[in-house]
Amino acid sequence: MKTDTAEMTKEQILQELEQLPKPLLAKVLEFARGLQAEAAKPQVDPEVWQAYLASKREREEVYRRLADS
């Protein structure tokens, strides 16, 4: 079912692209590449991020001493 929806969406996008004025195609390509780059970025689990921030706060003095040495 999910694939059917994705295929339908892809087909609709292709239909819209065929009707788009040629000067706008470069903007669409740039936008699509931006989406791909965004999707390729690793996603951080919010719990992991919060644990990291808590650890950083707890060990702030240690990190400061290491940086100063």
Protein backbone atom coordinates (compact mmCIF):
# COMPACT_ATOMS: atom_id res chain seq x y z
CA MET A 1 0.00 0.00 0.00
CA LYS A 2 2.78 2.40 0.91
CA THR A 3 4.56 1.71 -2.38
CA ASP A 4 1.38 2.44 -4.31
CA THR A 5 1.12 5.85 -2.67
CA ALA A 6 4.79 6.56 -3.34
CA GLU A 7 4.40 5.53 -6.97
CA MET A 8 1.32 7.72 -7.36
CA THR A 9 3.16 10.66 -5.83
CA LYS A 10 6.13 10.10 -8.12
CA GLU A 11 3.84 9.99 -11.14
CA GLN A 12 2.14 13.23 -10.08
CA ILE A 13 5.53 14.92 -9.65
CA LEU A 14 6.59 13.79 -13.12
CA GLN A 15 3.35 15.12 -14.61
CA GLU A 16 3.87 18.48 -12.93
CA LEU A 17 7.48 18.61 -14.15
CA GLU A 18 6.34 18.12 -17.74
CA GLN A 19 4.09 21.18 -17.43
CA LEU A 20 6.68 23.36 -15.70
CA PRO A 21 8.34 26.13 -17.72
CA LYS A 22 11.91 25.15 -18.67
CA PRO A 23 13.57 28.06 -16.79
CA LEU A 24 12.17 26.68 -13.50
CA LEU A 25 13.57 23.17 -13.95
CA ALA A 26 16.98 24.18 -12.56
CA LYS A 27 15.27 25.43 -9.38
CA VAL A 28 13.38 22.17 -9.04
CA LEU A 29 16.60 20.20 -9.47
CA GLU A 30 18.35 22.34 -6.85
CA PHE A 31 15.44 21.81 -4.45
CA ALA A 32 15.42 18.03 -5.00
CA ARG A 33 19.16 17.83 -4.39
CA GLY A 34 18.72 19.86 -1.21
CA LEU A 35 16.11 17.39 -0.01
CA GLN A 36 18.45 14.50 -0.76
CA ALA A 37 21.27 16.15 1.17
CA GLU A 38 18.96 16.75 4.12
CA ALA A 39 17.80 13.13 4.09
CA ALA A 40 21.40 11.92 3.99
CA LYS A 41 22.30 13.74 7.22
CA PRO A 42 22.46 11.41 10.18
CA GLN A 43 19.52 11.86 12.51
CA VAL A 44 20.27 12.16 16.21
CA ASP A 45 17.94 10.43 18.64
CA PRO A 46 16.57 13.15 20.97
CA GLU A 47 17.21 10.96 24.04
CA VAL A 48 20.83 10.46 23.02
CA TRP A 49 21.25 14.19 22.43
CA GLN A 50 19.79 15.04 25.84
CA ALA A 51 22.10 12.49 27.48
CA TYR A 52 25.07 14.07 25.72
CA LEU A 53 24.09 17.56 26.87
CA ALA A 54 23.62 16.35 30.45
CA SER A 55 27.04 14.68 30.38
CA LYS A 56 28.62 17.81 28.96
CA ARG A 57 27.13 19.92 31.79
CA GLU A 58 28.22 17.41 34.43
CA ARG A 59 31.79 17.28 33.15
CA GLU A 60 32.15 20.93 32.17
CA GLU A 61 34.97 21.50 34.70
CA VAL A 62 36.92 18.47 33.46
CA TYR A 63 36.63 19.64 29.85
CA ARG A 64 37.71 23.15 30.82
CA ARG A 65 40.81 21.85 32.64
CA LEU A 66 41.71 19.65 29.69
CA ALA A 67 41.37 22.57 27.30
CA ASP A 68 43.51 24.80 29.51
CA SER A 69 46.32 22.25 29.87
